[in-house]
Amino acid sequence: LPFLSIYLTQSLKFEIRETGIVLASYGLGAM
């Protein structure tokens, strides 16, 4: 979790908006 945003942007080369969606899906799952 602490490095998920960096993993998505740096390793998988996701755009920041795509990164936000993936992180938000973690939040939906947590809900």
PDB file of all heavy atoms in Angstrom:
ATOM      1  N   LEU A   1       0.798  -1.225   0.000  1.00  0.00           N
ATOM      2  CA  LEU A   1       0.000   0.000   0.000  1.00  0.00           C
ATOM      3  C   LEU A   1       0.832   1.278   0.000  1.00  0.00           C
ATOM      4  O   LEU A   1       0.552   2.191  -0.785  1.00  0.00           O
ATOM      5  CB  LEU A   1      -0.969  -0.009   1.189  1.00  0.00           C
ATOM      6  CG  LEU A   1      -1.950   1.168   1.255  1.00  0.00           C
ATOM      7  CD1 LEU A   1      -2.806   1.239  -0.006  1.00  0.00           C
ATOM      8  CD2 LEU A   1      -2.838   1.051   2.498  1.00  0.00           C
ATOM      9  N   PRO A   2       1.891   1.406   0.838  1.00  0.00           N
ATOM     10  CA  PRO A   2       2.672   2.652   0.818  1.00  0.00           C
ATOM     11  C   PRO A   2       3.342   2.932  -0.521  1.00  0.00           C
ATOM     12  O   PRO A   2       3.598   4.090  -0.854  1.00  0.00           O
ATOM     13  CB  PRO A   2       3.711   2.437   1.925  1.00  0.00           C
ATOM     14  CG  PRO A   2       3.139   1.391   2.802  1.00  0.00           C
ATOM     15  CD  PRO A   2       2.353   0.504   1.899  1.00  0.00           C
ATOM     16  N   PHE A   3       3.655   1.865  -1.281  1.00  0.00           N
ATOM     17  CA  PHE A   3       4.374   2.043  -2.540  1.00  0.00           C
ATOM     18  C   PHE A   3       3.502   1.752  -3.763  1.00  0.00           C
ATOM     19  O   PHE A   3       4.009   1.756  -4.885  1.00  0.00           O
ATOM     20  CB  PHE A   3       5.619   1.136  -2.570  1.00  0.00           C
ATOM     21  CG  PHE A   3       6.708   1.588  -1.637  1.00  0.00           C
ATOM     22  CD1 PHE A   3       6.807   1.056  -0.359  1.00  0.00           C
ATOM     23  CD2 PHE A   3       7.619   2.552  -2.024  1.00  0.00           C
ATOM     24  CE1 PHE A   3       7.800   1.471   0.511  1.00  0.00           C
ATOM     25  CE2 PHE A   3       8.625   2.977  -1.166  1.00  0.00           C
ATOM     26  CZ  PHE A   3       8.709   2.433   0.099  1.00  0.00           C
ATOM     27  N   LEU A   4       2.216   1.529  -3.538  1.00  0.00           N
ATOM     28  CA  LEU A   4       1.359   1.162  -4.659  1.00  0.00           C
ATOM     29  C   LEU A   4       1.273   2.273  -5.691  1.00  0.00           C
ATOM     30  O   LEU A   4       1.324   2.015  -6.904  1.00  0.00           O
ATOM     31  CB  LEU A   4      -0.042   0.796  -4.150  1.00  0.00           C
ATOM     32  CG  LEU A   4      -1.021   0.254  -5.199  1.00  0.00           C
ATOM     33  CD1 LEU A   4      -0.446  -0.978  -5.894  1.00  0.00           C
ATOM     34  CD2 LEU A   4      -2.370  -0.083  -4.548  1.00  0.00           C
ATOM     35  N   SER A   5       1.153   3.515  -5.243  1.00  0.00           N
ATOM     36  CA  SER A   5       1.054   4.626  -6.194  1.00  0.00           C
ATOM     37  C   SER A   5       2.336   4.767  -7.012  1.00  0.00           C
ATOM     38  O   SER A   5       2.292   5.034  -8.219  1.00  0.00           O
ATOM     39  CB  SER A   5       0.750   5.934  -5.458  1.00  0.00           C
ATOM     40  OG  SER A   5       1.758   6.235  -4.508  1.00  0.00           O
ATOM     41  N   ILE A   6       3.486   4.564  -6.368  1.00  0.00           N
ATOM     42  CA  ILE A   6       4.768   4.649  -7.085  1.00  0.00           C
ATOM     43  C   ILE A   6       4.934   3.455  -8.011  1.00  0.00           C
ATOM     44  O   ILE A   6       5.426   3.581  -9.145  1.00  0.00           O
ATOM     45  CB  ILE A   6       5.937   4.744  -6.091  1.00  0.00           C
ATOM     46  CG1 ILE A   6       5.784   5.985  -5.212  1.00  0.00           C
ATOM     47  CG2 ILE A   6       7.271   4.789  -6.835  1.00  0.00           C
ATOM     48  CD1 ILE A   6       6.851   6.100  -4.150  1.00  0.00           C
ATOM     49  N   TYR A   7       4.536   2.269  -7.562  1.00  0.00           N
ATOM     50  CA  TYR A   7       4.596   1.063  -8.397  1.00  0.00           C
ATOM     51  C   TYR A   7       3.784   1.243  -9.676  1.00  0.00           C
ATOM     52  O   TYR A   7       4.235   0.891 -10.778  1.00  0.00           O
ATOM     53  CB  TYR A   7       4.071  -0.122  -7.590  1.00  0.00           C
ATOM     54  CG  TYR A   7       3.779  -1.366  -8.400  1.00  0.00           C
ATOM     55  CD1 TYR A   7       4.802  -2.126  -8.967  1.00  0.00           C
ATOM     56  CD2 TYR A   7       2.460  -1.802  -8.583  1.00  0.00           C
ATOM     57  CE1 TYR A   7       4.526  -3.286  -9.690  1.00  0.00           C
ATOM     58  CE2 TYR A   7       2.184  -2.955  -9.300  1.00  0.00           C
ATOM     59  CZ  TYR A   7       3.211  -3.689  -9.858  1.00  0.00           C
ATOM     60  OH  TYR A   7       2.938  -4.822 -10.580  1.00  0.00           O
ATOM     61  N   LEU A   8       2.604   1.820  -9.540  1.00  0.00           N
ATOM     62  CA  LEU A   8       1.727   1.998 -10.697  1.00  0.00           C
ATOM     63  C   LEU A   8       2.280   3.024 -11.675  1.00  0.00           C
ATOM     64  O   LEU A   8       2.219   2.835 -12.891  1.00  0.00           O
ATOM     65  CB  LEU A   8       0.328   2.404 -10.232  1.00  0.00           C
ATOM     66  CG  LEU A   8      -0.424   1.370  -9.385  1.00  0.00           C
ATOM     67  CD1 LEU A   8      -1.713   1.971  -8.843  1.00  0.00           C
ATOM     68  CD2 LEU A   8      -0.728   0.120 -10.193  1.00  0.00           C
ATOM     69  N   THR A   9       2.827   4.125 -11.138  1.00  0.00           N
ATOM     70  CA  THR A   9       3.318   5.192 -12.025  1.00  0.00           C
ATOM     71  C   THR A   9       4.719   4.915 -12.567  1.00  0.00           C
ATOM     72  O   THR A   9       5.008   5.225 -13.716  1.00  0.00           O
ATOM     73  CB  THR A   9       3.317   6.541 -11.283  1.00  0.00           C
ATOM     74  OG1 THR A   9       4.087   6.422 -10.081  1.00  0.00           O
ATOM     75  CG2 THR A   9       1.907   6.978 -10.946  1.00  0.00           C
ATOM     76  N   GLN A  10       5.582   4.325 -11.730  1.00  0.00           N
ATOM     77  CA  GLN A  10       6.972   4.144 -12.138  1.00  0.00           C
ATOM     78  C   GLN A  10       7.219   2.812 -12.840  1.00  0.00           C
ATOM     79  O   GLN A  10       7.911   2.753 -13.851  1.00  0.00           O
ATOM     80  CB  GLN A  10       7.894   4.255 -10.909  1.00  0.00           C
ATOM     81  CG  GLN A  10       7.815   5.581 -10.187  1.00  0.00           C
ATOM     82  CD  GLN A  10       8.382   6.722 -11.003  1.00  0.00           C
ATOM     83  OE1 GLN A  10       9.417   6.582 -11.660  1.00  0.00           O
ATOM     84  NE2 GLN A  10       7.707   7.867 -10.968  1.00  0.00           N
ATOM     85  N   SER A  11       6.648   1.727 -12.305  1.00  0.00           N
ATOM     86  CA  SER A  11       6.915   0.402 -12.851  1.00  0.00           C
ATOM     87  C   SER A  11       5.952   0.034 -13.981  1.00  0.00           C
ATOM     88  O   SER A  11       6.381  -0.429 -15.044  1.00  0.00           O
ATOM     89  CB  SER A  11       6.841  -0.646 -11.737  1.00  0.00           C
ATOM     90  OG  SER A  11       7.140  -1.938 -12.230  1.00  0.00           O
ATOM     91  N   LEU A  12       4.656   0.235 -13.754  1.00  0.00           N
ATOM     92  CA  LEU A  12       3.664  -0.118 -14.771  1.00  0.00           C
ATOM     93  C   LEU A  12       3.365   1.025 -15.735  1.00  0.00           C
ATOM     94  O   LEU A  12       2.606   0.845 -16.691  1.00  0.00           O
ATOM     95  CB  LEU A  12       2.365  -0.579 -14.093  1.00  0.00           C
ATOM     96  CG  LEU A  12       2.473  -1.826 -13.198  1.00  0.00           C
ATOM     97  CD1 LEU A  12       1.082  -2.259 -12.732  1.00  0.00           C
ATOM     98  CD2 LEU A  12       3.158  -2.969 -13.928  1.00  0.00           C
ATOM     99  N   LYS A  13       3.909   2.212 -15.454  1.00  0.00           N
ATOM    100  CA  LYS A  13       3.781   3.382 -16.343  1.00  0.00           C
ATOM    101  C   LYS A  13       2.322   3.817 -16.516  1.00  0.00           C
ATOM    102  O   LYS A  13       1.932   4.288 -17.588  1.00  0.00           O
ATOM    103  CB  LYS A  13       4.406   3.100 -17.721  1.00  0.00           C
ATOM    104  CG  LYS A  13       5.851   2.627 -17.670  1.00  0.00           C
ATOM    105  CD  LYS A  13       6.765   3.627 -16.996  1.00  0.00           C
ATOM    106  CE  LYS A  13       8.213   3.144 -16.978  1.00  0.00           C
ATOM    107  NZ  LYS A  13       9.107   4.072 -16.253  1.00  0.00           N
ATOM    108  N   PHE A  14       1.525   3.692 -15.477  1.00  0.00           N
ATOM    109  CA  PHE A  14       0.146   4.172 -15.539  1.00  0.00           C
ATOM    110  C   PHE A  14       0.127   5.694 -15.457  1.00  0.00           C
ATOM    111  O   PHE A  14       0.986   6.303 -14.820  1.00  0.00           O
ATOM    112  CB  PHE A  14      -0.677   3.604 -14.375  1.00  0.00           C
ATOM    113  CG  PHE A  14      -1.065   2.157 -14.535  1.00  0.00           C
ATOM    114  CD1 PHE A  14      -0.602   1.392 -15.593  1.00  0.00           C
ATOM    115  CD2 PHE A  14      -1.902   1.557 -13.614  1.00  0.00           C
ATOM    116  CE1 PHE A  14      -0.956   0.061 -15.725  1.00  0.00           C
ATOM    117  CE2 PHE A  14      -2.266   0.228 -13.739  1.00  0.00           C
ATOM    118  CZ  PHE A  14      -1.790  -0.522 -14.794  1.00  0.00           C
ATOM    119  N   GLU A  15      -0.853   6.302 -16.113  1.00  0.00           N
ATOM    120  CA  GLU A  15      -1.088   7.735 -15.944  1.00  0.00           C
ATOM    121  C   GLU A  15      -1.594   7.988 -14.528  1.00  0.00           C
ATOM    122  O   GLU A  15      -2.127   7.093 -13.871  1.00  0.00           O
ATOM    123  CB  GLU A  15      -2.108   8.235 -16.966  1.00  0.00           C
ATOM    124  CG  GLU A  15      -1.681   8.077 -18.417  1.00  0.00           C
ATOM    125  CD  GLU A  15      -0.505   8.994 -18.769  1.00  0.00           C
ATOM    126  OE1 GLU A  15      -0.363  10.053 -18.109  1.00  0.00           O
ATOM    127  OE2 GLU A  15       0.256   8.644 -19.683  1.00  0.00           O
ATOM    128  N   ILE A  16      -1.455   9.223 -14.059  1.00  0.00           N
ATOM    129  CA  ILE A  16      -1.832   9.524 -12.683  1.00  0.00           C
ATOM    130  C   ILE A  16      -3.328   9.321 -12.459  1.00  0.00           C
ATOM    131  O   ILE A  16      -3.769   8.911 -11.384  1.00  0.00           O
ATOM    132  CB  ILE A  16      -1.393  10.959 -12.285  1.00  0.00           C
ATOM    133  CG1 ILE A  16      -1.505  11.129 -10.763  1.00  0.00           C
ATOM    134  CG2 ILE A  16      -2.217  12.010 -13.012  1.00  0.00           C
ATOM    135  CD1 ILE A  16      -0.791  12.341 -10.236  1.00  0.00           C
ATOM    136  N   ARG A  17      -4.149   9.557 -13.494  1.00  0.00           N
ATOM    137  CA  ARG A  17      -5.591   9.333 -13.349  1.00  0.00           C
ATOM    138  C   ARG A  17      -5.893   7.833 -13.249  1.00  0.00           C
ATOM    139  O   ARG A  17      -6.765   7.416 -12.492  1.00  0.00           O
ATOM    140  CB  ARG A  17      -6.353   9.963 -14.510  1.00  0.00           C
ATOM    141  CG  ARG A  17      -6.312  11.495 -14.496  1.00  0.00           C
ATOM    142  CD  ARG A  17      -7.130  12.069 -15.628  1.00  0.00           C
ATOM    143  NE  ARG A  17      -7.035  13.529 -15.664  1.00  0.00           N
ATOM    144  CZ  ARG A  17      -7.796  14.344 -14.951  1.00  0.00           C
ATOM    145  NH1 ARG A  17      -8.733  13.845 -14.160  1.00  0.00           N
ATOM    146  NH2 ARG A  17      -7.653  15.653 -15.024  1.00  0.00           N
ATOM    147  N   GLU A  18      -5.185   7.013 -14.037  1.00  0.00           N
ATOM    148  CA  GLU A  18      -5.346   5.565 -13.934  1.00  0.00           C
ATOM    149  C   GLU A  18      -4.899   5.074 -12.555  1.00  0.00           C
ATOM    150  O   GLU A  18      -5.527   4.210 -11.958  1.00  0.00           O
ATOM    151  CB  GLU A  18      -4.535   4.864 -15.028  1.00  0.00           C
ATOM    152  CG  GLU A  18      -5.049   5.085 -16.434  1.00  0.00           C
ATOM    153  CD  GLU A  18      -4.168   4.420 -17.475  1.00  0.00           C
ATOM    154  OE1 GLU A  18      -2.931   4.435 -17.304  1.00  0.00           O
ATOM    155  OE2 GLU A  18      -4.701   3.879 -18.451  1.00  0.00           O
ATOM    156  N   THR A  19      -3.814   5.662 -12.067  1.00  0.00           N
ATOM    157  CA  THR A  19      -3.330   5.321 -10.732  1.00  0.00           C
ATOM    158  C   THR A  19      -4.389   5.624  -9.683  1.00  0.00           C
ATOM    159  O   THR A  19      -4.631   4.823  -8.766  1.00  0.00           O
ATOM    160  CB  THR A  19      -2.039   6.113 -10.426  1.00  0.00           C
ATOM    161  OG1 THR A  19      -1.026   5.741 -11.365  1.00  0.00           O
ATOM    162  CG2 THR A  19      -1.550   5.823  -9.013  1.00  0.00           C
ATOM    163  N   GLY A  20      -5.037   6.769  -9.822  1.00  0.00           N
ATOM    164  CA  GLY A  20      -6.095   7.136  -8.887  1.00  0.00           C
ATOM    165  C   GLY A  20      -7.249   6.152  -8.906  1.00  0.00           C
ATOM    166  O   GLY A  20      -7.829   5.824  -7.861  1.00  0.00           O
ATOM    167  N   ILE A  21      -7.585   5.637 -10.080  1.00  0.00           N
ATOM    168  CA  ILE A  21      -8.684   4.669 -10.196  1.00  0.00           C
ATOM    169  C   ILE A  21      -8.326   3.353  -9.515  1.00  0.00           C
ATOM    170  O   ILE A  21      -9.140   2.762  -8.798  1.00  0.00           O
ATOM    171  CB  ILE A  21      -9.047   4.443 -11.679  1.00  0.00           C
ATOM    172  CG1 ILE A  21      -9.680   5.721 -12.264  1.00  0.00           C
ATOM    173  CG2 ILE A  21     -10.003   3.258 -11.828  1.00  0.00           C
ATOM    174  CD1 ILE A  21      -9.895   5.662 -13.762  1.00  0.00           C
ATOM    175  N   VAL A  22      -7.097   2.872  -9.737  1.00  0.00           N
ATOM    176  CA  VAL A  22      -6.673   1.620  -9.098  1.00  0.00           C
ATOM    177  C   VAL A  22      -6.647   1.781  -7.583  1.00  0.00           C
ATOM    178  O   VAL A  22      -7.111   0.907  -6.837  1.00  0.00           O
ATOM    179  CB  VAL A  22      -5.290   1.177  -9.614  1.00  0.00           C
ATOM    180  CG1 VAL A  22      -4.810  -0.061  -8.850  1.00  0.00           C
ATOM    181  CG2 VAL A  22      -5.346   0.878 -11.106  1.00  0.00           C
ATOM    182  N   LEU A  23      -6.111   2.915  -7.115  1.00  0.00           N
ATOM    183  CA  LEU A  23      -6.093   3.162  -5.672  1.00  0.00           C
ATOM    184  C   LEU A  23      -7.509   3.269  -5.120  1.00  0.00           C
ATOM    185  O   LEU A  23      -7.797   2.825  -4.012  1.00  0.00           O
ATOM    186  CB  LEU A  23      -5.304   4.439  -5.370  1.00  0.00           C
ATOM    187  CG  LEU A  23      -3.805   4.393  -5.665  1.00  0.00           C
ATOM    188  CD1 LEU A  23      -3.182   5.764  -5.462  1.00  0.00           C
ATOM    189  CD2 LEU A  23      -3.106   3.358  -4.796  1.00  0.00           C
ATOM    190  N   ALA A  24      -8.393   3.880  -5.901  1.00  0.00           N
ATOM    191  CA  ALA A  24      -9.788   3.987  -5.472  1.00  0.00           C
ATOM    192  C   ALA A  24     -10.443   2.614  -5.400  1.00  0.00           C
ATOM    193  O   ALA A  24     -11.308   2.374  -4.546  1.00  0.00           O
ATOM    194  CB  ALA A  24     -10.562   4.891  -6.424  1.00  0.00           C
ATOM    195  N   SER A  25     -10.044   1.693  -6.281  1.00  0.00           N
ATOM    196  CA  SER A  25     -10.609   0.343  -6.225  1.00  0.00           C
ATOM    197  C   SER A  25     -10.198  -0.356  -4.942  1.00  0.00           C
ATOM    198  O   SER A  25     -10.955  -1.179  -4.398  1.00  0.00           O
ATOM    199  CB  SER A  25     -10.168  -0.471  -7.448  1.00  0.00           C
ATOM    200  OG  SER A  25      -8.811  -0.852  -7.366  1.00  0.00           O
ATOM    201  N   TYR A  26      -9.017  -0.033  -4.444  1.00  0.00           N
ATOM    202  CA  TYR A  26      -8.621  -0.556  -3.137  1.00  0.00           C
ATOM    203  C   TYR A  26      -9.573  -0.035  -2.074  1.00  0.00           C
ATOM    204  O   TYR A  26     -10.004  -0.764  -1.178  1.00  0.00           O
ATOM    205  CB  TYR A  26      -7.177  -0.150  -2.801  1.00  0.00           C
ATOM    206  CG  TYR A  26      -6.630  -0.848  -1.566  1.00  0.00           C
ATOM    207  CD1 TYR A  26      -5.808  -1.951  -1.688  1.00  0.00           C
ATOM    208  CD2 TYR A  26      -6.962  -0.401  -0.287  1.00  0.00           C
ATOM    209  CE1 TYR A  26      -5.322  -2.608  -0.568  1.00  0.00           C
ATOM    210  CE2 TYR A  26      -6.479  -1.054   0.839  1.00  0.00           C
ATOM    211  CZ  TYR A  26      -5.658  -2.145   0.696  1.00  0.00           C
ATOM    212  OH  TYR A  26      -5.196  -2.799   1.813  1.00  0.00           O
ATOM    213  N   GLY A  27      -9.919   1.241  -2.177  1.00  0.00           N
ATOM    214  CA  GLY A  27     -10.850   1.827  -1.227  1.00  0.00           C
ATOM    215  C   GLY A  27     -12.230   1.213  -1.305  1.00  0.00           C
ATOM    216  O   GLY A  27     -12.868   0.953  -0.277  1.00  0.00           O
ATOM    217  N   LEU A  28     -12.716   0.955  -2.524  1.00  0.00           N
ATOM    218  CA  LEU A  28     -14.018   0.309  -2.680  1.00  0.00           C
ATOM    219  C   LEU A  28     -14.006  -1.094  -2.074  1.00  0.00           C
ATOM    220  O   LEU A  28     -14.972  -1.516  -1.425  1.00  0.00           O
ATOM    221  CB  LEU A  28     -14.393   0.242  -4.162  1.00  0.00           C
ATOM    222  CG  LEU A  28     -14.803   1.557  -4.818  1.00  0.00           C
ATOM    223  CD1 LEU A  28     -14.948   1.373  -6.330  1.00  0.00           C
ATOM    224  CD2 LEU A  28     -16.110   2.087  -4.221  1.00  0.00           C
ATOM    225  N   GLY A  29     -12.916  -1.801  -2.294  1.00  0.00           N
ATOM    226  CA  GLY A  29     -12.788  -3.122  -1.689  1.00  0.00           C
ATOM    227  C   GLY A  29     -12.759  -3.040  -0.173  1.00  0.00           C
ATOM    228  O   GLY A  29     -13.343  -3.887   0.518  1.00  0.00           O
ATOM    229  N   ALA A  30     -12.081  -2.016   0.367  1.00  0.00           N
ATOM    230  CA  ALA A  30     -12.038  -1.829   1.816  1.00  0.00           C
ATOM    231  C   ALA A  30     -13.426  -1.519   2.368  1.00  0.00           C
ATOM    232  O   ALA A  30     -13.787  -1.972   3.463  1.00  0.00           O
ATOM    233  CB  ALA A  30     -11.062  -0.702   2.169  1.00  0.00           C
ATOM    234  N   MET A  31     -14.215  -0.736   1.617  1.00  0.00           N
ATOM    235  CA  MET A  31     -15.592  -0.457   2.039  1.00  0.00           C
ATOM    236  C   MET A  31     -16.407  -1.746   2.105  1.00  0.00           C
ATOM    237  O   MET A  31     -17.097  -2.012   3.093  1.00  0.00           O
ATOM    238  CB  MET A  31     -16.235   0.532   1.066  1.00  0.00           C
ATOM    239  CG  MET A  31     -15.650   1.929   1.105  1.00  0.00           C
ATOM    240  SD  MET A  31     -16.276   2.984  -0.224  1.00  0.00           S
ATOM    241  CE  MET A  31     -18.002   3.131   0.262  1.00  0.00           C
TER     242      MET A  31
END
